[in-house]
């Protein structure tokens, strides 16, 4: 796709000169919503459940209008439901995702699931906010809120330990 992958936009140093230097807050939010819609479709709307198993910024492509499209279904699994039981058909054997985005239980041999895709989605969402430019006022505000929540939790734990 014309605008490349989300990975390229999160790391501007690998962008070519025709792209803006960064994604704005609204664009990042729209990308996350687009990927969430795609996962909802794969998990809930398809005739057969599709588990992507490798959701990461490099596999989310952006079109001309900066709409995100989930790509690279090379290790995706189809889950066939027949008479209440399910069977997972795989398109590849072995590795189940990318280190850093695959859930830890996949490394221990657990079966793939929608929970694994949701874990990867959470990591992808986190990486979108992680690379948000510091000068963005909303990000500064969110960081302050996070610090306040952590301090309140810490204060609560100290208070409990006194009893």
C-alpha atoms as a PDB file:
ATOM      1  CA  UNK A   1       0.000   0.000   0.000  1.00  0.00           C
ATOM      2  CA  UNK A   2       1.099   3.511  -0.746  1.00  0.00           C
ATOM      3  CA  UNK A   3       1.761   4.622   2.846  1.00  0.00           C
ATOM      4  CA  UNK A   4       3.621   1.488   3.852  1.00  0.00           C
ATOM      5  CA  UNK A   5       3.349  -0.187   7.230  1.00  0.00           C
ATOM      6  CA  UNK A   6       2.519   1.223  10.638  1.00  0.00           C
ATOM      7  CA  UNK A   7       6.053   0.247  11.684  1.00  0.00           C
ATOM      8  CA  UNK A   8       7.474   2.813   9.247  1.00  0.00           C
ATOM      9  CA  UNK A   9       5.266   5.549  10.686  1.00  0.00           C
ATOM     10  CA  UNK A  10       6.108   4.714  14.295  1.00  0.00           C
ATOM     11  CA  UNK A  11       9.828   4.875  13.469  1.00  0.00           C
ATOM     12  CA  UNK A  12      10.220   7.958  11.255  1.00  0.00           C
ATOM     13  CA  UNK A  13      13.943   7.346  10.761  1.00  0.00           C
ATOM     14  CA  UNK A  14      13.067   4.564   8.283  1.00  0.00           C
ATOM     15  CA  UNK A  15      10.531   6.651   6.322  1.00  0.00           C
ATOM     16  CA  UNK A  16      11.330   8.020   2.917  1.00  0.00           C
ATOM     17  CA  UNK A  17      11.122  11.775   2.320  1.00  0.00           C
ATOM     18  CA  UNK A  18       7.593  11.911   0.906  1.00  0.00           C
ATOM     19  CA  UNK A  19       5.970  11.051   4.273  1.00  0.00           C
ATOM     20  CA  UNK A  20       5.303  13.449   7.122  1.00  0.00           C
ATOM     21  CA  UNK A  21       7.657  12.910  10.037  1.00  0.00           C
ATOM     22  CA  UNK A  22       5.073  11.561  12.465  1.00  0.00           C
ATOM     23  CA  UNK A  23       1.550  10.312  12.996  1.00  0.00           C
ATOM     24  CA  UNK A  24      -0.708  12.643  14.948  1.00  0.00           C
ATOM     25  CA  UNK A  25      -2.783  11.573  17.923  1.00  0.00           C
ATOM     26  CA  UNK A  26      -5.984  11.336  15.848  1.00  0.00           C
ATOM     27  CA  UNK A  27      -4.289   9.258  13.153  1.00  0.00           C
ATOM     28  CA  UNK A  28      -2.887   6.859  15.740  1.00  0.00           C
ATOM     29  CA  UNK A  29      -6.304   6.461  17.328  1.00  0.00           C
ATOM     30  CA  UNK A  30      -7.879   5.814  13.908  1.00  0.00           C
ATOM     31  CA  UNK A  31      -5.243   3.171  13.106  1.00  0.00           C
ATOM     32  CA  UNK A  32      -5.971   1.392  16.403  1.00  0.00           C
ATOM     33  CA  UNK A  33      -9.713   1.512  15.690  1.00  0.00           C
ATOM     34  CA  UNK A  34      -9.159   0.145  12.161  1.00  0.00           C
ATOM     35  CA  UNK A  35      -7.115  -2.784  13.494  1.00  0.00           C
ATOM     36  CA  UNK A  36      -9.701  -3.435  16.230  1.00  0.00           C
ATOM     37  CA  UNK A  37     -12.451  -3.499  13.573  1.00  0.00           C
ATOM     38  CA  UNK A  38     -10.420  -5.972  11.504  1.00  0.00           C
ATOM     39  CA  UNK A  39      -9.886  -8.249  14.530  1.00  0.00           C
ATOM     40  CA  UNK A  40     -13.590  -8.071  15.372  1.00  0.00           C
ATOM     41  CA  UNK A  41     -14.368  -9.138  11.824  1.00  0.00           C
ATOM     42  CA  UNK A  42     -11.873 -12.031  11.916  1.00  0.00           C
ATOM     43  CA  UNK A  43     -13.012 -13.240  15.343  1.00  0.00           C
ATOM     44  CA  UNK A  44     -16.763 -12.583  15.238  1.00  0.00           C
ATOM     45  CA  UNK A  45     -18.076 -11.908  11.725  1.00  0.00           C
ATOM     46  CA  UNK A  46     -16.313 -14.465   9.500  1.00  0.00           C
ATOM     47  CA  UNK A  47     -18.100 -17.713   8.764  1.00  0.00           C
ATOM     48  CA  UNK A  48     -15.036 -19.503  10.187  1.00  0.00           C
ATOM     49  CA  UNK A  49     -13.063 -18.022  13.067  1.00  0.00           C
ATOM     50  CA  UNK A  50      -9.706 -16.677  11.843  1.00  0.00           C
ATOM     51  CA  UNK A  51      -6.794 -16.311  14.274  1.00  0.00           C
ATOM     52  CA  UNK A  52      -4.146 -13.980  12.845  1.00  0.00           C
ATOM     53  CA  UNK A  53      -1.342 -15.086  15.226  1.00  0.00           C
ATOM     54  CA  UNK A  54       1.146 -12.403  14.091  1.00  0.00           C
ATOM     55  CA  UNK A  55      -0.412  -9.003  14.711  1.00  0.00           C
ATOM     56  CA  UNK A  56       2.305  -6.325  14.841  1.00  0.00           C
ATOM     57  CA  UNK A  57       2.977  -2.849  13.367  1.00  0.00           C
ATOM     58  CA  UNK A  58       4.861  -4.328  10.405  1.00  0.00           C
ATOM     59  CA  UNK A  59       1.742  -6.296   9.389  1.00  0.00           C
ATOM     60  CA  UNK A  60      -0.611  -3.306   9.457  1.00  0.00           C
ATOM     61  CA  UNK A  61      -0.565  -1.488   6.133  1.00  0.00           C
ATOM     62  CA  UNK A  62      -1.848   2.065   5.607  1.00  0.00           C
ATOM     63  CA  UNK A  63      -3.668   3.035   2.405  1.00  0.00           C
ATOM     64  CA  UNK A  64      -3.843   6.458   0.703  1.00  0.00           C
ATOM     65  CA  UNK A  65      -6.363   7.694   3.305  1.00  0.00           C
ATOM     66  CA  UNK A  66      -4.280   6.355   6.222  1.00  0.00           C
ATOM     67  CA  UNK A  67      -6.803   3.570   6.866  1.00  0.00           C
ATOM     68  CA  UNK A  68      -5.085   0.547   8.428  1.00  0.00           C
ATOM     69  CA  UNK A  69      -5.459  -2.905   6.888  1.00  0.00           C
ATOM     70  CA  UNK A  70      -4.268  -6.059   8.653  1.00  0.00           C
ATOM     71  CA  UNK A  71      -1.994  -8.105   6.384  1.00  0.00           C
ATOM     72  CA  UNK A  72       0.331 -11.137   6.358  1.00  0.00           C
ATOM     73  CA  UNK A  73      -1.886 -14.097   7.131  1.00  0.00           C
ATOM     74  CA  UNK A  74       1.026 -16.487   6.598  1.00  0.00           C
ATOM     75  CA  UNK A  75       0.688 -18.159   9.999  1.00  0.00           C
ATOM     76  CA  UNK A  76      -3.030 -17.516  10.502  1.00  0.00           C
ATOM     77  CA  UNK A  77      -5.245 -20.343  11.711  1.00  0.00           C
ATOM     78  CA  UNK A  78      -8.803 -21.200  10.699  1.00  0.00           C
ATOM     79  CA  UNK A  79     -10.953 -22.656  13.460  1.00  0.00           C
ATOM     80  CA  UNK A  80     -13.604 -25.013  12.132  1.00  0.00           C
ATOM     81  CA  UNK A  81     -16.639 -25.560  14.349  1.00  0.00           C
ATOM     82  CA  UNK A  82     -18.446 -28.822  13.691  1.00  0.00           C
ATOM     83  CA  UNK A  83     -21.148 -30.025  16.050  1.00  0.00           C
ATOM     84  CA  UNK A  84     -19.927 -27.993  19.031  1.00  0.00           C
ATOM     85  CA  UNK A  85     -16.299 -29.122  18.762  1.00  0.00           C
ATOM     86  CA  UNK A  86     -13.582 -27.105  17.084  1.00  0.00           C
ATOM     87  CA  UNK A  87     -10.518 -27.988  15.063  1.00  0.00           C
ATOM     88  CA  UNK A  88      -7.691 -25.581  14.202  1.00  0.00           C
ATOM     89  CA  UNK A  89      -6.263 -25.823  10.699  1.00  0.00           C
ATOM     90  CA  UNK A  90      -2.851 -24.222  10.386  1.00  0.00           C
ATOM     91  CA  UNK A  91      -1.192 -22.651   7.390  1.00  0.00           C
ATOM     92  CA  UNK A  92       2.287 -23.201   8.860  1.00  0.00           C
ATOM     93  CA  UNK A  93       3.899 -25.288  11.569  1.00  0.00           C
ATOM     94  CA  UNK A  94       6.135 -24.177  14.424  1.00  0.00           C
ATOM     95  CA  UNK A  95       6.553 -20.504  15.255  1.00  0.00           C
ATOM     96  CA  UNK A  96       3.344 -18.818  16.351  1.00  0.00           C
ATOM     97  CA  UNK A  97       4.016 -15.091  16.064  1.00  0.00           C
ATOM     98  CA  UNK A  98       6.750 -12.530  16.548  1.00  0.00           C
ATOM     99  CA  UNK A  99       8.773 -12.230  19.744  1.00  0.00           C
ATOM    100  CA  UNK A 100       7.528  -9.204  21.652  1.00  0.00           C
ATOM    101  CA  UNK A 101       4.023  -9.416  20.188  1.00  0.00           C
ATOM    102  CA  UNK A 102       3.159 -13.095  20.687  1.00  0.00           C
ATOM    103  CA  UNK A 103       1.749 -13.984  24.108  1.00  0.00           C
ATOM    104  CA  UNK A 104       4.187 -15.738  26.460  1.00  0.00           C
ATOM    105  CA  UNK A 105       2.066 -18.895  26.619  1.00  0.00           C
ATOM    106  CA  UNK A 106       2.659 -19.507  22.890  1.00  0.00           C
ATOM    107  CA  UNK A 107       6.331 -20.014  23.699  1.00  0.00           C
ATOM    108  CA  UNK A 108       5.337 -22.764  26.123  1.00  0.00           C
ATOM    109  CA  UNK A 109       3.329 -24.664  23.518  1.00  0.00           C
ATOM    110  CA  UNK A 110      -0.183 -23.397  24.278  1.00  0.00           C
ATOM    111  CA  UNK A 111      -2.765 -23.506  21.512  1.00  0.00           C
ATOM    112  CA  UNK A 112      -3.485 -20.307  19.616  1.00  0.00           C
ATOM    113  CA  UNK A 113      -6.652 -18.436  20.575  1.00  0.00           C
ATOM    114  CA  UNK A 114      -8.501 -15.165  20.216  1.00  0.00           C
ATOM    115  CA  UNK A 115      -6.891 -14.207  23.534  1.00  0.00           C
ATOM    116  CA  UNK A 116      -3.486 -14.443  21.851  1.00  0.00           C
ATOM    117  CA  UNK A 117      -4.598 -12.075  19.088  1.00  0.00           C
ATOM    118  CA  UNK A 118      -5.965  -9.681  21.714  1.00  0.00           C
ATOM    119  CA  UNK A 119      -2.644  -9.797  23.596  1.00  0.00           C
ATOM    120  CA  UNK A 120      -0.839  -8.897  20.358  1.00  0.00           C
ATOM    121  CA  UNK A 121      -3.367  -6.118  19.743  1.00  0.00           C
ATOM    122  CA  UNK A 122      -2.636  -4.710  23.205  1.00  0.00           C
ATOM    123  CA  UNK A 123       1.099  -4.735  22.484  1.00  0.00           C
ATOM    124  CA  UNK A 124       0.468  -3.035  19.124  1.00  0.00           C
ATOM    125  CA  UNK A 125      -1.729  -0.406  20.789  1.00  0.00           C
ATOM    126  CA  UNK A 126       0.932   0.173  23.422  1.00  0.00           C
ATOM    127  CA  UNK A 127       3.596   0.672  20.772  1.00  0.00           C
ATOM    128  CA  UNK A 128       1.399   3.287  19.067  1.00  0.00           C
ATOM    129  CA  UNK A 129       1.299   5.371  22.258  1.00  0.00           C
ATOM    130  CA  UNK A 130       4.916   4.641  23.168  1.00  0.00           C
ATOM    131  CA  UNK A 131       6.229   6.428  20.107  1.00  0.00           C
ATOM    132  CA  UNK A 132       3.902   9.429  20.400  1.00  0.00           C
ATOM    133  CA  UNK A 133       6.038  12.587  20.344  1.00  0.00           C
ATOM    134  CA  UNK A 134       6.695  13.960  23.830  1.00  0.00           C
ATOM    135  CA  UNK A 135       5.629  17.485  22.882  1.00  0.00           C
ATOM    136  CA  UNK A 136       2.033  16.350  22.484  1.00  0.00           C
ATOM    137  CA  UNK A 137       0.135  17.961  25.361  1.00  0.00           C
ATOM    138  CA  UNK A 138      -2.419  15.183  25.679  1.00  0.00           C
ATOM    139  CA  UNK A 139       0.351  12.611  26.043  1.00  0.00           C
ATOM    140  CA  UNK A 140       1.927  14.671  28.810  1.00  0.00           C
ATOM    141  CA  UNK A 141      -1.451  14.818  30.522  1.00  0.00           C
ATOM    142  CA  UNK A 142      -1.950  11.038  30.195  1.00  0.00           C
ATOM    143  CA  UNK A 143       1.525  10.395  31.613  1.00  0.00           C
ATOM    144  CA  UNK A 144       0.704  12.619  34.607  1.00  0.00           C
ATOM    145  CA  UNK A 145      -2.571  10.751  35.172  1.00  0.00           C
ATOM    146  CA  UNK A 146      -0.694   7.433  35.009  1.00  0.00           C
ATOM    147  CA  UNK A 147       1.869   8.697  37.552  1.00  0.00           C
ATOM    148  CA  UNK A 148      -0.938   9.837  39.872  1.00  0.00           C
ATOM    149  CA  UNK A 149      -2.642   6.438  39.643  1.00  0.00           C
ATOM    150  CA  UNK A 150       0.629   4.647  40.428  1.00  0.00           C
ATOM    151  CA  UNK A 151       1.259   6.941  43.404  1.00  0.00           C
ATOM    152  CA  UNK A 152      -2.269   6.333  44.710  1.00  0.00           C
ATOM    153  CA  UNK A 153      -1.803   2.576  44.358  1.00  0.00           C
ATOM    154  CA  UNK A 154       1.539   2.807  46.160  1.00  0.00           C
ATOM    155  CA  UNK A 155      -0.022   4.896  48.943  1.00  0.00           C
ATOM    156  CA  UNK A 156      -2.857   2.353  49.259  1.00  0.00           C
ATOM    157  CA  UNK A 157      -0.378  -0.540  49.558  1.00  0.00           C
ATOM    158  CA  UNK A 158       1.622   1.301  52.235  1.00  0.00           C
ATOM    159  CA  UNK A 159      -1.585   2.016  54.146  1.00  0.00           C
ATOM    160  CA  UNK A 160      -2.600  -1.673  53.972  1.00  0.00           C
ATOM    161  CA  UNK A 161       0.824  -2.857  55.127  1.00  0.00           C
ATOM    162  CA  UNK A 162       0.459  -0.862  58.353  1.00  0.00           C
ATOM    163  CA  UNK A 163      -2.471  -3.013  59.478  1.00  0.00           C
END
